[in-house]
């Protein structure tokens, strides 16, 4: 995979954008300026940026309900994303989907899914379509550790193997399925061994190492593109926040949270770039300021957009 200076900075800025977007959303929901709930991926930026940036613009992705980061990495318009969270007509789903259901066909984002594991059969279906049409495309399917025991996930992964489909499964293992720790839900500790049961490769990596994610997933994407079939990449990471905004996180300790915060993927990548003379304090501050301005502009845009009119209440419910 190409890892020149421009690509390194692209990964860096993408992670900063994901973090800044989600911190702003956290603030807006906490203060009642956005209603409803959300599922934040703060702390998981290394997986989201690294995996999605390994795709080409024509490739597809089908993602989990923790969807902001992957959508941003695939190129989603920040204004429209923020408008969707505000319930505005200009949002990707015209304000009807909210945080859990970002869909953006302009970037081949097949959409997030509020059903645990629900996006995997969709991704496999898209991969089957690609193979039948002989298209030069690949699907990347994200799945959480909590979905790895779902029947639909097993069935879909098995079919992907049987039909040798061009799909890469990326497990964002953030150690908890809602409040259930990994060791209470699995006898195994390395989820990548599951792939052997389906007959395709499984790889386990540090999900907080964005460059490792980018290079590993990129290699699997190209293999799938060239007829090598599916694979599973398990990325070990951690969500700093709760499962959702209503989660008080009483099931884990402050010590555990602090340990993972010290493994921050952004701070780690900043050190990597700095050690190689590629990032100084001035460049880092300029990039962060640029990202902050983009997020503030998105909030301003969303506030100014109109809500859907009452005359549209029955639209997008039934087919014509």
C-alpha atoms as a PDB file:
ATOM      1  CA  UNK A   1       0.000   0.000   0.000  1.00  0.00           C
ATOM      2  CA  UNK A   2       1.111   3.540  -0.786  1.00  0.00           C
ATOM      3  CA  UNK A   3       2.266   5.335   2.359  1.00  0.00           C
ATOM      4  CA  UNK A   4       3.865   8.508   1.018  1.00  0.00           C
ATOM      5  CA  UNK A   5       3.779  11.794   2.917  1.00  0.00           C
ATOM      6  CA  UNK A   6       0.425  12.857   1.454  1.00  0.00           C
ATOM      7  CA  UNK A   7      -1.211   9.574   2.473  1.00  0.00           C
ATOM      8  CA  UNK A   8       0.217   9.812   5.986  1.00  0.00           C
ATOM      9  CA  UNK A   9      -1.203  13.309   6.418  1.00  0.00           C
ATOM     10  CA  UNK A  10      -4.522  12.177   4.951  1.00  0.00           C
ATOM     11  CA  UNK A  11      -4.745   9.466   7.614  1.00  0.00           C
ATOM     12  CA  UNK A  12      -3.781  11.977  10.314  1.00  0.00           C
ATOM     13  CA  UNK A  13      -6.302  14.611   9.271  1.00  0.00           C
ATOM     14  CA  UNK A  14      -9.023  11.980   8.887  1.00  0.00           C
ATOM     15  CA  UNK A  15      -8.508  10.739  12.443  1.00  0.00           C
ATOM     16  CA  UNK A  16      -8.552  14.314  13.751  1.00  0.00           C
ATOM     17  CA  UNK A  17     -11.776  15.006  11.841  1.00  0.00           C
ATOM     18  CA  UNK A  18     -13.472  11.900  13.206  1.00  0.00           C
ATOM     19  CA  UNK A  19     -12.445  12.776  16.772  1.00  0.00           C
ATOM     20  CA  UNK A  20     -13.506  16.441  16.465  1.00  0.00           C
ATOM     21  CA  UNK A  21     -16.843  15.556  14.853  1.00  0.00           C
ATOM     22  CA  UNK A  22     -17.715  13.069  17.567  1.00  0.00           C
ATOM     23  CA  UNK A  23     -16.596  15.297  20.417  1.00  0.00           C
ATOM     24  CA  UNK A  24     -18.852  18.027  19.026  1.00  0.00           C
ATOM     25  CA  UNK A  25     -21.756  15.587  18.698  1.00  0.00           C
ATOM     26  CA  UNK A  26     -21.142  14.448  22.283  1.00  0.00           C
ATOM     27  CA  UNK A  27     -21.352  18.062  23.429  1.00  0.00           C
ATOM     28  CA  UNK A  28     -24.478  18.820  21.378  1.00  0.00           C
ATOM     29  CA  UNK A  29     -26.380  15.786  22.651  1.00  0.00           C
ATOM     30  CA  UNK A  30     -25.255  16.314  26.257  1.00  0.00           C
ATOM     31  CA  UNK A  31     -26.624  19.871  26.157  1.00  0.00           C
ATOM     32  CA  UNK A  32     -29.876  18.906  24.450  1.00  0.00           C
ATOM     33  CA  UNK A  33     -29.101  20.670  21.186  1.00  0.00           C
ATOM     34  CA  UNK A  34     -29.426  17.354  19.347  1.00  0.00           C
ATOM     35  CA  UNK A  35     -32.137  14.997  20.555  1.00  0.00           C
ATOM     36  CA  UNK A  36     -32.041  11.213  20.600  1.00  0.00           C
ATOM     37  CA  UNK A  37     -28.971   9.135  21.180  1.00  0.00           C
ATOM     38  CA  UNK A  38     -25.740   8.293  19.418  1.00  0.00           C
ATOM     39  CA  UNK A  39     -22.988   5.664  19.468  1.00  0.00           C
ATOM     40  CA  UNK A  40     -19.587   7.296  19.541  1.00  0.00           C
ATOM     41  CA  UNK A  41     -16.378   5.701  18.312  1.00  0.00           C
ATOM     42  CA  UNK A  42     -13.961   8.010  20.122  1.00  0.00           C
ATOM     43  CA  UNK A  43     -10.800   5.960  20.638  1.00  0.00           C
ATOM     44  CA  UNK A  44     -11.431   3.798  17.567  1.00  0.00           C
ATOM     45  CA  UNK A  45     -10.232   6.300  14.963  1.00  0.00           C
ATOM     46  CA  UNK A  46      -7.256   4.144  13.992  1.00  0.00           C
ATOM     47  CA  UNK A  47      -9.510   1.339  12.756  1.00  0.00           C
ATOM     48  CA  UNK A  48     -12.026   3.604  11.068  1.00  0.00           C
ATOM     49  CA  UNK A  49      -9.525   5.774   9.213  1.00  0.00           C
ATOM     50  CA  UNK A  50      -7.041   3.020   8.424  1.00  0.00           C
ATOM     51  CA  UNK A  51      -9.551   0.466   7.138  1.00  0.00           C
ATOM     52  CA  UNK A  52     -11.740   2.758   5.063  1.00  0.00           C
ATOM     53  CA  UNK A  53      -8.835   4.670   3.527  1.00  0.00           C
ATOM     54  CA  UNK A  54      -7.582   1.346   2.189  1.00  0.00           C
ATOM     55  CA  UNK A  55     -10.559   1.299  -0.192  1.00  0.00           C
ATOM     56  CA  UNK A  56     -10.793   2.876  -3.611  1.00  0.00           C
ATOM     57  CA  UNK A  57     -13.511   5.467  -4.355  1.00  0.00           C
ATOM     58  CA  UNK A  58     -15.578   2.912  -6.295  1.00  0.00           C
ATOM     59  CA  UNK A  59     -15.447   0.290  -3.554  1.00  0.00           C
ATOM     60  CA  UNK A  60     -18.408  -0.245  -1.239  1.00  0.00           C
ATOM     61  CA  UNK A  61     -18.714  -0.406   2.516  1.00  0.00           C
ATOM     62  CA  UNK A  62     -21.449  -1.671   4.842  1.00  0.00           C
ATOM     63  CA  UNK A  63     -20.929  -0.530   8.433  1.00  0.00           C
ATOM     64  CA  UNK A  64     -22.155  -0.767  12.015  1.00  0.00           C
ATOM     65  CA  UNK A  65     -24.315   1.674  13.993  1.00  0.00           C
ATOM     66  CA  UNK A  66     -21.074   3.287  15.280  1.00  0.00           C
ATOM     67  CA  UNK A  67     -20.891   4.877  11.878  1.00  0.00           C
ATOM     68  CA  UNK A  68     -19.665   8.481  11.978  1.00  0.00           C
ATOM     69  CA  UNK A  69     -15.965   7.686  11.630  1.00  0.00           C
ATOM     70  CA  UNK A  70     -16.259   5.272   8.718  1.00  0.00           C
ATOM     71  CA  UNK A  71     -18.618   7.632   6.888  1.00  0.00           C
ATOM     72  CA  UNK A  72     -16.187  10.531   7.312  1.00  0.00           C
ATOM     73  CA  UNK A  73     -13.249   8.403   6.165  1.00  0.00           C
ATOM     74  CA  UNK A  74     -15.186   7.393   3.017  1.00  0.00           C
ATOM     75  CA  UNK A  75     -15.678  11.060   2.171  1.00  0.00           C
ATOM     76  CA  UNK A  76     -19.111  11.942   3.549  1.00  0.00           C
ATOM     77  CA  UNK A  77     -20.017  15.632   3.448  1.00  0.00           C
ATOM     78  CA  UNK A  78     -19.732  16.920   7.033  1.00  0.00           C
ATOM     79  CA  UNK A  79     -22.502  19.461   6.533  1.00  0.00           C
ATOM     80  CA  UNK A  80     -25.005  16.820   5.446  1.00  0.00           C
ATOM     81  CA  UNK A  81     -23.927  14.479   8.233  1.00  0.00           C
ATOM     82  CA  UNK A  82     -24.448  17.114  10.868  1.00  0.00           C
ATOM     83  CA  UNK A  83     -27.757  18.126   9.302  1.00  0.00           C
ATOM     84  CA  UNK A  84     -28.913  14.510   9.561  1.00  0.00           C
ATOM     85  CA  UNK A  85     -28.124  14.421  13.263  1.00  0.00           C
ATOM     86  CA  UNK A  86     -30.084  17.649  13.728  1.00  0.00           C
ATOM     87  CA  UNK A  87     -33.055  16.045  11.950  1.00  0.00           C
ATOM     88  CA  UNK A  88     -32.908  18.472   9.038  1.00  0.00           C
ATOM     89  CA  UNK A  89     -34.131  18.039   5.471  1.00  0.00           C
ATOM     90  CA  UNK A  90     -30.603  18.519   4.074  1.00  0.00           C
ATOM     91  CA  UNK A  91     -29.332  15.415   5.886  1.00  0.00           C
ATOM     92  CA  UNK A  92     -28.358  12.239   4.075  1.00  0.00           C
ATOM     93  CA  UNK A  93     -31.673  10.612   5.019  1.00  0.00           C
ATOM     94  CA  UNK A  94     -33.606  13.893   5.031  1.00  0.00           C
ATOM     95  CA  UNK A  95     -33.425  13.987   8.815  1.00  0.00           C
ATOM     96  CA  UNK A  96     -35.268  10.699   9.225  1.00  0.00           C
ATOM     97  CA  UNK A  97     -32.368   8.352   9.970  1.00  0.00           C
ATOM     98  CA  UNK A  98     -30.323  10.221  12.530  1.00  0.00           C
ATOM     99  CA  UNK A  99     -26.984   9.145  13.927  1.00  0.00           C
ATOM    100  CA  UNK A 100     -27.371   5.380  13.496  1.00  0.00           C
ATOM    101  CA  UNK A 101     -28.341   5.315   9.831  1.00  0.00           C
ATOM    102  CA  UNK A 102     -25.974   7.387   7.722  1.00  0.00           C
ATOM    103  CA  UNK A 103     -26.283   6.317   4.069  1.00  0.00           C
ATOM    104  CA  UNK A 104     -24.290   8.029   1.329  1.00  0.00           C
ATOM    105  CA  UNK A 105     -24.465   6.431  -2.089  1.00  0.00           C
ATOM    106  CA  UNK A 106     -22.322   9.213  -3.574  1.00  0.00           C
ATOM    107  CA  UNK A 107     -19.374   7.597  -1.764  1.00  0.00           C
ATOM    108  CA  UNK A 108     -20.705   4.021  -2.085  1.00  0.00           C
ATOM    109  CA  UNK A 109     -21.538   3.903   1.603  1.00  0.00           C
ATOM    110  CA  UNK A 110     -24.322   1.304   1.693  1.00  0.00           C
ATOM    111  CA  UNK A 111     -25.260   2.526   5.136  1.00  0.00           C
ATOM    112  CA  UNK A 112     -25.017   1.925   8.820  1.00  0.00           C
ATOM    113  CA  UNK A 113     -27.331  -0.535  10.508  1.00  0.00           C
ATOM    114  CA  UNK A 114     -29.010  -0.286  13.906  1.00  0.00           C
ATOM    115  CA  UNK A 115     -29.410  -4.070  14.016  1.00  0.00           C
ATOM    116  CA  UNK A 116     -26.355  -5.791  15.471  1.00  0.00           C
ATOM    117  CA  UNK A 117     -24.720  -7.682  12.630  1.00  0.00           C
ATOM    118  CA  UNK A 118     -27.403  -6.490  10.222  1.00  0.00           C
ATOM    119  CA  UNK A 119     -24.942  -4.922   7.836  1.00  0.00           C
ATOM    120  CA  UNK A 120     -23.058  -8.140   7.132  1.00  0.00           C
ATOM    121  CA  UNK A 121     -25.687  -9.842   4.930  1.00  0.00           C
ATOM    122  CA  UNK A 122     -26.063  -6.531   3.071  1.00  0.00           C
ATOM    123  CA  UNK A 123     -22.340  -6.366   2.427  1.00  0.00           C
ATOM    124  CA  UNK A 124     -22.225  -9.978   1.269  1.00  0.00           C
ATOM    125  CA  UNK A 125     -25.154  -9.312  -1.054  1.00  0.00           C
ATOM    126  CA  UNK A 126     -23.304  -6.362  -2.553  1.00  0.00           C
ATOM    127  CA  UNK A 127     -20.199  -8.510  -3.009  1.00  0.00           C
ATOM    128  CA  UNK A 128     -22.276 -11.149  -4.801  1.00  0.00           C
ATOM    129  CA  UNK A 129     -23.627  -8.438  -7.110  1.00  0.00           C
ATOM    130  CA  UNK A 130     -20.069  -7.276  -7.861  1.00  0.00           C
ATOM    131  CA  UNK A 131     -18.978 -10.806  -8.754  1.00  0.00           C
ATOM    132  CA  UNK A 132     -22.020 -11.507 -10.917  1.00  0.00           C
ATOM    133  CA  UNK A 133     -21.475  -8.268 -12.844  1.00  0.00           C
ATOM    134  CA  UNK A 134     -17.701  -8.784 -13.057  1.00  0.00           C
ATOM    135  CA  UNK A 135     -17.067  -5.356 -11.575  1.00  0.00           C
ATOM    136  CA  UNK A 136     -13.626  -4.228 -10.418  1.00  0.00           C
ATOM    137  CA  UNK A 137     -14.828  -3.449  -6.905  1.00  0.00           C
ATOM    138  CA  UNK A 138     -14.573  -4.736  -3.350  1.00  0.00           C
ATOM    139  CA  UNK A 139     -16.841  -4.512  -0.288  1.00  0.00           C
ATOM    140  CA  UNK A 140     -15.528  -3.732   3.166  1.00  0.00           C
ATOM    141  CA  UNK A 141     -17.838  -4.838   5.960  1.00  0.00           C
ATOM    142  CA  UNK A 142     -17.286  -3.611   9.510  1.00  0.00           C
ATOM    143  CA  UNK A 143     -18.622  -5.634  12.408  1.00  0.00           C
ATOM    144  CA  UNK A 144     -18.267  -5.278  16.157  1.00  0.00           C
ATOM    145  CA  UNK A 145     -17.172  -8.042  18.524  1.00  0.00           C
ATOM    146  CA  UNK A 146     -20.741  -8.062  19.853  1.00  0.00           C
ATOM    147  CA  UNK A 147     -22.004  -9.175  16.438  1.00  0.00           C
ATOM    148  CA  UNK A 148     -19.511 -11.982  15.998  1.00  0.00           C
ATOM    149  CA  UNK A 149     -21.860 -14.438  17.708  1.00  0.00           C
ATOM    150  CA  UNK A 150     -24.895 -13.506  15.590  1.00  0.00           C
ATOM    151  CA  UNK A 151     -26.318 -16.230  13.378  1.00  0.00           C
ATOM    152  CA  UNK A 152     -26.749 -13.876  10.425  1.00  0.00           C
ATOM    153  CA  UNK A 153     -23.046 -13.007  10.587  1.00  0.00           C
ATOM    154  CA  UNK A 154     -21.999 -16.679  10.560  1.00  0.00           C
ATOM    155  CA  UNK A 155     -24.336 -17.468   7.669  1.00  0.00           C
ATOM    156  CA  UNK A 156     -23.216 -14.488   5.611  1.00  0.00           C
ATOM    157  CA  UNK A 157     -19.508 -15.121   6.178  1.00  0.00           C
ATOM    158  CA  UNK A 158     -19.975 -18.763   5.223  1.00  0.00           C
ATOM    159  CA  UNK A 159     -21.712 -17.802   1.969  1.00  0.00           C
ATOM    160  CA  UNK A 160     -18.964 -15.283   1.215  1.00  0.00           C
ATOM    161  CA  UNK A 161     -16.459 -18.129   1.516  1.00  0.00           C
ATOM    162  CA  UNK A 162     -18.487 -20.632  -0.494  1.00  0.00           C
ATOM    163  CA  UNK A 163     -18.960 -18.151  -3.332  1.00  0.00           C
ATOM    164  CA  UNK A 164     -15.420 -16.709  -3.063  1.00  0.00           C
ATOM    165  CA  UNK A 165     -16.758 -13.152  -2.914  1.00  0.00           C
ATOM    166  CA  UNK A 166     -14.712  -9.926  -3.069  1.00  0.00           C
ATOM    167  CA  UNK A 167     -15.282  -8.806   0.518  1.00  0.00           C
ATOM    168  CA  UNK A 168     -13.123  -7.990   3.533  1.00  0.00           C
ATOM    169  CA  UNK A 169     -14.635  -8.248   7.011  1.00  0.00           C
ATOM    170  CA  UNK A 170     -13.128  -5.875   9.567  1.00  0.00           C
ATOM    171  CA  UNK A 171     -13.989  -6.584  13.185  1.00  0.00           C
ATOM    172  CA  UNK A 172     -13.715  -3.494  15.385  1.00  0.00           C
ATOM    173  CA  UNK A 173     -13.072  -5.383  18.603  1.00  0.00           C
ATOM    174  CA  UNK A 174     -13.597  -2.692  21.241  1.00  0.00           C
ATOM    175  CA  UNK A 175     -13.721  -5.352  23.981  1.00  0.00           C
ATOM    176  CA  UNK A 176     -17.413  -4.953  24.874  1.00  0.00           C
ATOM    177  CA  UNK A 177     -20.712  -5.918  23.273  1.00  0.00           C
ATOM    178  CA  UNK A 178     -22.781  -3.209  24.956  1.00  0.00           C
ATOM    179  CA  UNK A 179     -21.907  -4.038  28.588  1.00  0.00           C
ATOM    180  CA  UNK A 180     -20.771  -7.629  28.035  1.00  0.00           C
ATOM    181  CA  UNK A 181     -16.974  -8.035  28.138  1.00  0.00           C
ATOM    182  CA  UNK A 182     -15.301 -10.132  25.498  1.00  0.00           C
ATOM    183  CA  UNK A 183     -14.243 -12.863  27.953  1.00  0.00           C
ATOM    184  CA  UNK A 184     -17.870 -13.413  29.030  1.00  0.00           C
ATOM    185  CA  UNK A 185     -19.122 -13.877  25.464  1.00  0.00           C
ATOM    186  CA  UNK A 186     -16.310 -15.938  23.907  1.00  0.00           C
ATOM    187  CA  UNK A 187     -14.278 -18.956  24.963  1.00  0.00           C
ATOM    188  CA  UNK A 188     -11.568 -17.823  22.546  1.00  0.00           C
ATOM    189  CA  UNK A 189      -9.554 -14.618  22.966  1.00  0.00           C
ATOM    190  CA  UNK A 190      -8.440 -14.197  19.360  1.00  0.00           C
ATOM    191  CA  UNK A 191     -11.558 -13.678  17.257  1.00  0.00           C
ATOM    192  CA  UNK A 192      -9.605 -13.971  14.023  1.00  0.00           C
ATOM    193  CA  UNK A 193      -9.484 -17.773  14.457  1.00  0.00           C
ATOM    194  CA  UNK A 194     -13.186 -17.800  13.573  1.00  0.00           C
ATOM    195  CA  UNK A 195     -12.175 -17.289   9.939  1.00  0.00           C
ATOM    196  CA  UNK A 196     -10.663 -20.775   9.768  1.00  0.00           C
ATOM    197  CA  UNK A 197     -14.116 -22.277  10.296  1.00  0.00           C
ATOM    198  CA  UNK A 198     -15.331 -20.526   7.137  1.00  0.00           C
ATOM    199  CA  UNK A 199     -12.218 -21.390   5.160  1.00  0.00           C
ATOM    200  CA  UNK A 200     -10.645 -17.983   4.681  1.00  0.00           C
ATOM    201  CA  UNK A 201      -7.738 -16.149   6.358  1.00  0.00           C
ATOM    202  CA  UNK A 202      -8.054 -14.380   9.699  1.00  0.00           C
ATOM    203  CA  UNK A 203      -5.624 -11.743  10.933  1.00  0.00           C
ATOM    204  CA  UNK A 204      -5.432 -10.048  14.328  1.00  0.00           C
ATOM    205  CA  UNK A 205      -3.736  -6.642  14.621  1.00  0.00           C
ATOM    206  CA  UNK A 206      -3.421  -3.573  16.841  1.00  0.00           C
ATOM    207  CA  UNK A 207      -6.368  -1.416  15.822  1.00  0.00           C
ATOM    208  CA  UNK A 208      -4.834   1.670  17.414  1.00  0.00           C
ATOM    209  CA  UNK A 209      -1.969   1.555  14.908  1.00  0.00           C
ATOM    210  CA  UNK A 210      -3.582   3.325  11.961  1.00  0.00           C
ATOM    211  CA  UNK A 211      -0.735   2.553   9.588  1.00  0.00           C
ATOM    212  CA  UNK A 212      -0.832  -1.149  10.459  1.00  0.00           C
ATOM    213  CA  UNK A 213      -4.599  -1.164   9.856  1.00  0.00           C
ATOM    214  CA  UNK A 214      -4.228   0.675   6.542  1.00  0.00           C
ATOM    215  CA  UNK A 215      -1.507  -1.631   5.235  1.00  0.00           C
ATOM    216  CA  UNK A 216      -3.101  -4.871   6.468  1.00  0.00           C
ATOM    217  CA  UNK A 217      -6.608  -4.105   5.243  1.00  0.00           C
ATOM    218  CA  UNK A 218      -5.192  -2.691   2.006  1.00  0.00           C
ATOM    219  CA  UNK A 219      -3.407  -5.954   1.267  1.00  0.00           C
ATOM    220  CA  UNK A 220      -6.591  -7.929   1.908  1.00  0.00           C
ATOM    221  CA  UNK A 221      -8.646  -5.552  -0.257  1.00  0.00           C
ATOM    222  CA  UNK A 222      -6.297  -6.012  -3.196  1.00  0.00           C
ATOM    223  CA  UNK A 223      -6.301  -9.773  -2.717  1.00  0.00           C
ATOM    224  CA  UNK A 224     -10.106  -9.809  -2.750  1.00  0.00           C
ATOM    225  CA  UNK A 225     -10.115  -7.551  -5.827  1.00  0.00           C
ATOM    226  CA  UNK A 226      -7.912 -10.057  -7.658  1.00  0.00           C
ATOM    227  CA  UNK A 227     -10.124 -13.055  -6.943  1.00  0.00           C
ATOM    228  CA  UNK A 228      -8.620 -14.163  -3.635  1.00  0.00           C
ATOM    229  CA  UNK A 229     -11.946 -14.218  -1.835  1.00  0.00           C
ATOM    230  CA  UNK A 230     -12.886 -12.967   1.632  1.00  0.00           C
ATOM    231  CA  UNK A 231     -10.809 -12.470   4.744  1.00  0.00           C
ATOM    232  CA  UNK A 232     -11.292 -11.292   8.323  1.00  0.00           C
ATOM    233  CA  UNK A 233      -9.143  -8.619   9.959  1.00  0.00           C
ATOM    234  CA  UNK A 234      -9.713  -8.263  13.705  1.00  0.00           C
ATOM    235  CA  UNK A 235      -8.572  -4.888  15.016  1.00  0.00           C
ATOM    236  CA  UNK A 236      -8.067  -4.672  18.778  1.00  0.00           C
ATOM    237  CA  UNK A 237      -9.247  -1.276  20.014  1.00  0.00           C
ATOM    238  CA  UNK A 238     -11.417   0.390  22.670  1.00  0.00           C
ATOM    239  CA  UNK A 239     -14.289   2.847  22.809  1.00  0.00           C
ATOM    240  CA  UNK A 240     -13.579   5.578  25.329  1.00  0.00           C
ATOM    241  CA  UNK A 241     -17.250   6.451  25.768  1.00  0.00           C
ATOM    242  CA  UNK A 242     -20.186   4.236  26.645  1.00  0.00           C
ATOM    243  CA  UNK A 243     -22.038   2.001  24.233  1.00  0.00           C
ATOM    244  CA  UNK A 244     -24.426   4.910  23.699  1.00  0.00           C
ATOM    245  CA  UNK A 245     -25.129   8.218  25.372  1.00  0.00           C
ATOM    246  CA  UNK A 246     -27.351   6.482  27.955  1.00  0.00           C
ATOM    247  CA  UNK A 247     -24.557   4.167  29.104  1.00  0.00           C
ATOM    248  CA  UNK A 248     -22.973   5.065  32.512  1.00  0.00           C
ATOM    249  CA  UNK A 249     -20.130   2.544  31.962  1.00  0.00           C
ATOM    250  CA  UNK A 250     -20.453   0.984  35.423  1.00  0.00           C
ATOM    251  CA  UNK A 251     -19.269  -2.385  34.081  1.00  0.00           C
ATOM    252  CA  UNK A 252     -15.632  -1.288  33.627  1.00  0.00           C
ATOM    253  CA  UNK A 253     -13.036   0.384  35.784  1.00  0.00           C
ATOM    254  CA  UNK A 254     -11.471   3.828  35.521  1.00  0.00           C
ATOM    255  CA  UNK A 255      -8.062   2.131  35.541  1.00  0.00           C
ATOM    256  CA  UNK A 256      -8.968   0.121  32.442  1.00  0.00           C
ATOM    257  CA  UNK A 257     -10.232   3.221  30.669  1.00  0.00           C
ATOM    258  CA  UNK A 258      -7.071   5.158  31.494  1.00  0.00           C
ATOM    259  CA  UNK A 259      -4.884   2.308  30.271  1.00  0.00           C
ATOM    260  CA  UNK A 260      -6.562   2.393  26.868  1.00  0.00           C
ATOM    261  CA  UNK A 261      -6.526   6.194  26.694  1.00  0.00           C
ATOM    262  CA  UNK A 262      -2.746   5.995  26.924  1.00  0.00           C
ATOM    263  CA  UNK A 263      -2.916   3.960  23.703  1.00  0.00           C
ATOM    264  CA  UNK A 264      -4.702   6.801  21.875  1.00  0.00           C
ATOM    265  CA  UNK A 265      -4.372   6.156  18.119  1.00  0.00           C
ATOM    266  CA  UNK A 266      -4.075   9.859  17.303  1.00  0.00           C
ATOM    267  CA  UNK A 267      -1.368  10.586  19.888  1.00  0.00           C
ATOM    268  CA  UNK A 268       0.490   7.464  18.798  1.00  0.00           C
ATOM    269  CA  UNK A 269       0.431   8.490  15.147  1.00  0.00           C
ATOM    270  CA  UNK A 270       1.510  12.020  16.014  1.00  0.00           C
ATOM    271  CA  UNK A 271       4.593  10.538  17.695  1.00  0.00           C
ATOM    272  CA  UNK A 272       5.243   8.374  14.646  1.00  0.00           C
ATOM    273  CA  UNK A 273       5.126  11.375  12.316  1.00  0.00           C
ATOM    274  CA  UNK A 274       7.128  13.595  14.675  1.00  0.00           C
ATOM    275  CA  UNK A 275       9.879  11.003  15.150  1.00  0.00           C
ATOM    276  CA  UNK A 276      10.367  10.948  11.374  1.00  0.00           C
ATOM    277  CA  UNK A 277      10.491  14.705  11.065  1.00  0.00           C
ATOM    278  CA  UNK A 278       7.158  14.834   9.216  1.00  0.00           C
ATOM    279  CA  UNK A 279       5.079  16.692  11.811  1.00  0.00           C
ATOM    280  CA  UNK A 280       6.033  19.648  13.949  1.00  0.00           C
ATOM    281  CA  UNK A 281       3.977  21.553  16.499  1.00  0.00           C
ATOM    282  CA  UNK A 282       3.064  24.252  13.988  1.00  0.00           C
ATOM    283  CA  UNK A 283       1.784  21.801  11.363  1.00  0.00           C
ATOM    284  CA  UNK A 284      -0.160  19.852  13.997  1.00  0.00           C
ATOM    285  CA  UNK A 285      -1.847  23.011  15.327  1.00  0.00           C
ATOM    286  CA  UNK A 286      -2.670  24.226  11.811  1.00  0.00           C
ATOM    287  CA  UNK A 287      -4.294  20.901  10.974  1.00  0.00           C
ATOM    288  CA  UNK A 288      -6.307  20.832  14.190  1.00  0.00           C
ATOM    289  CA  UNK A 289      -7.474  24.404  13.619  1.00  0.00           C
ATOM    290  CA  UNK A 290      -8.503  23.534  10.065  1.00  0.00           C
ATOM    291  CA  UNK A 291     -10.469  20.522  11.305  1.00  0.00           C
ATOM    292  CA  UNK A 292     -12.159  22.514  14.067  1.00  0.00           C
ATOM    293  CA  UNK A 293     -13.285  25.146  11.545  1.00  0.00           C
ATOM    294  CA  UNK A 294     -14.812  22.450   9.327  1.00  0.00           C
ATOM    295  CA  UNK A 295     -16.794  21.031  12.248  1.00  0.00           C
ATOM    296  CA  UNK A 296     -18.003  24.452  13.393  1.00  0.00           C
ATOM    297  CA  UNK A 297     -19.082  25.251   9.824  1.00  0.00           C
ATOM    298  CA  UNK A 298     -21.019  21.978   9.714  1.00  0.00           C
ATOM    299  CA  UNK A 299     -22.840  22.853  12.940  1.00  0.00           C
ATOM    300  CA  UNK A 300     -23.636  26.311  11.610  1.00  0.00           C
ATOM    301  CA  UNK A 301     -24.953  24.825   8.373  1.00  0.00           C
ATOM    302  CA  UNK A 302     -27.115  22.299  10.226  1.00  0.00           C
ATOM    303  CA  UNK A 303     -28.633  24.941  12.481  1.00  0.00           C
ATOM    304  CA  UNK A 304     -29.619  27.088   9.521  1.00  0.00           C
ATOM    305  CA  UNK A 305     -31.206  24.254   7.500  1.00  0.00           C
ATOM    306  CA  UNK A 306     -35.008  23.806   7.611  1.00  0.00           C
ATOM    307  CA  UNK A 307     -36.720  20.805   9.167  1.00  0.00           C
ATOM    308  CA  UNK A 308     -38.737  18.552   6.864  1.00  0.00           C
ATOM    309  CA  UNK A 309     -42.158  20.059   6.174  1.00  0.00           C
ATOM    310  CA  UNK A 310     -45.295  18.447   7.549  1.00  0.00           C
ATOM    311  CA  UNK A 311     -46.421  17.881   3.977  1.00  0.00           C
ATOM    312  CA  UNK A 312     -43.576  15.345   3.623  1.00  0.00           C
ATOM    313  CA  UNK A 313     -44.567  13.239   6.636  1.00  0.00           C
ATOM    314  CA  UNK A 314     -45.872  10.342   4.538  1.00  0.00           C
ATOM    315  CA  UNK A 315     -42.965  10.362   2.082  1.00  0.00           C
ATOM    316  CA  UNK A 316     -40.372   7.561   2.080  1.00  0.00           C
ATOM    317  CA  UNK A 317     -42.745   5.292   4.007  1.00  0.00           C
ATOM    318  CA  UNK A 318     -44.403   3.343   1.203  1.00  0.00           C
ATOM    319  CA  UNK A 319     -43.280   2.718  -2.358  1.00  0.00           C
ATOM    320  CA  UNK A 320     -45.312   4.488  -5.046  1.00  0.00           C
END
